[in-house]
């Protein structure tokens, strides 16, 4: 089942992100078998981070919640809010995805 995790940055996000970035990426790599998509949400300037979105393929909400609670950015208090919602894959068109992480 797919679950989308929508997280909004809180105060001190720059410092927290800098201090836990390596652990965050190690966690994502450790769980790449369930991570369908992940990335930062950005302000319209294209540079300022505002949070992140992750899509997991896990058996149930409890698993998604446990995964999220153990993610290093969340454990460090980076986010002011976290919302986890089950979703259904509808349209699927990987060819329409941008060629770069920046959306170019």
Protein backbone atom coordinates (compact mmCIF):
# COMPACT_ATOMS: atom_id res chain seq x y z
CA UNK A 1 0.00 0.00 0.00
CA UNK A 2 1.19 3.49 -0.75
CA UNK A 3 1.44 6.16 1.94
CA UNK A 4 2.39 9.77 1.35
CA UNK A 5 4.21 11.57 4.14
CA UNK A 6 3.94 15.37 3.93
CA UNK A 7 6.21 17.25 6.33
CA UNK A 8 6.50 20.99 6.89
CA UNK A 9 9.71 22.49 8.23
CA UNK A 10 9.72 24.11 11.63
CA UNK A 11 11.98 26.68 13.26
CA UNK A 12 15.73 26.06 13.08
CA UNK A 13 15.25 23.78 10.09
CA UNK A 14 18.51 24.88 8.45
CA UNK A 15 20.61 23.97 11.48
CA UNK A 16 18.76 20.72 12.14
CA UNK A 17 18.95 19.67 8.49
CA UNK A 18 22.69 20.40 8.35
CA UNK A 19 23.36 18.41 11.53
CA UNK A 20 21.36 15.33 10.46
CA UNK A 21 21.67 15.30 6.65
CA UNK A 22 24.09 12.35 6.52
CA UNK A 23 21.92 10.25 8.86
CA UNK A 24 18.82 11.16 6.84
CA UNK A 25 20.33 10.00 3.56
CA UNK A 26 21.70 6.84 5.19
CA UNK A 27 18.18 6.05 6.47
CA UNK A 28 16.69 6.55 3.01
CA UNK A 29 19.35 4.29 1.49
CA UNK A 30 18.74 1.64 4.16
CA UNK A 31 15.04 1.64 3.25
CA UNK A 32 15.26 2.10 -0.52
CA UNK A 33 13.25 -1.10 -0.95
CA UNK A 34 10.11 0.72 0.30
CA UNK A 35 10.85 4.32 -0.72
CA UNK A 36 8.99 5.00 -3.97
CA UNK A 37 9.71 8.74 -4.18
CA UNK A 38 11.11 11.40 -1.93
CA UNK A 39 12.16 15.00 -2.17
CA UNK A 40 12.16 18.46 -0.67
CA UNK A 41 9.28 20.85 -1.05
CA UNK A 42 10.44 24.28 -2.13
CA UNK A 43 9.29 27.87 -2.02
CA UNK A 44 8.57 29.44 -5.37
CA UNK A 45 12.16 30.76 -5.54
CA UNK A 46 13.21 27.15 -6.20
CA UNK A 47 15.88 27.21 -3.50
CA UNK A 48 14.26 27.71 -0.10
CA UNK A 49 13.26 24.39 1.46
CA UNK A 50 9.85 24.30 3.09
CA UNK A 51 9.57 20.62 3.98
CA UNK A 52 9.51 17.26 2.23
CA UNK A 53 7.29 14.62 0.67
CA UNK A 54 7.96 10.90 0.80
CA UNK A 55 5.95 8.09 -0.73
CA UNK A 56 6.39 4.66 0.85
CA UNK A 57 5.17 1.23 -0.20
CA UNK A 58 4.44 -0.50 3.11
CA UNK A 59 1.77 -2.93 4.40
CA UNK A 60 -0.17 -0.53 6.64
CA UNK A 61 -0.42 2.85 8.34
CA UNK A 62 1.31 1.60 11.49
CA UNK A 63 4.40 0.68 9.46
CA UNK A 64 4.42 4.08 7.71
CA UNK A 65 4.08 5.87 11.05
CA UNK A 66 6.89 3.85 12.64
CA UNK A 67 9.15 4.47 9.65
CA UNK A 68 8.43 8.20 9.83
CA UNK A 69 8.99 8.43 13.59
CA UNK A 70 12.42 6.81 13.19
CA UNK A 71 13.53 8.99 10.26
CA UNK A 72 16.48 11.13 11.45
CA UNK A 73 15.10 14.53 10.39
CA UNK A 74 11.87 13.87 12.27
CA UNK A 75 13.64 12.45 15.32
CA UNK A 76 15.74 15.63 15.44
CA UNK A 77 12.62 17.83 15.50
CA UNK A 78 12.96 19.32 12.00
CA UNK A 79 9.25 19.35 11.20
CA UNK A 80 6.44 21.46 12.67
CA UNK A 81 3.89 19.10 11.14
CA UNK A 82 3.77 15.61 9.66
CA UNK A 83 0.76 14.16 7.85
CA UNK A 84 0.62 10.53 6.69
CA UNK A 85 -2.13 9.49 4.32
CA UNK A 86 -2.84 6.34 2.36
CA UNK A 87 -3.02 6.90 -1.36
CA UNK A 88 -3.88 5.00 -4.47
CA UNK A 89 -1.63 5.04 -7.50
CA UNK A 90 -3.67 6.49 -10.32
CA UNK A 91 -1.88 7.95 -13.25
CA UNK A 92 1.67 6.69 -13.60
CA UNK A 93 3.91 8.36 -16.14
CA UNK A 94 7.60 8.28 -15.18
CA UNK A 95 8.49 9.59 -18.64
CA UNK A 96 6.89 12.93 -17.70
CA UNK A 97 9.24 13.36 -14.71
CA UNK A 98 11.89 16.05 -15.07
CA UNK A 99 15.40 15.02 -16.06
CA UNK A 100 16.99 16.63 -12.99
CA UNK A 101 16.24 16.91 -9.30
CA UNK A 102 15.67 20.65 -9.78
CA UNK A 103 12.88 20.03 -12.28
CA UNK A 104 14.69 20.94 -15.46
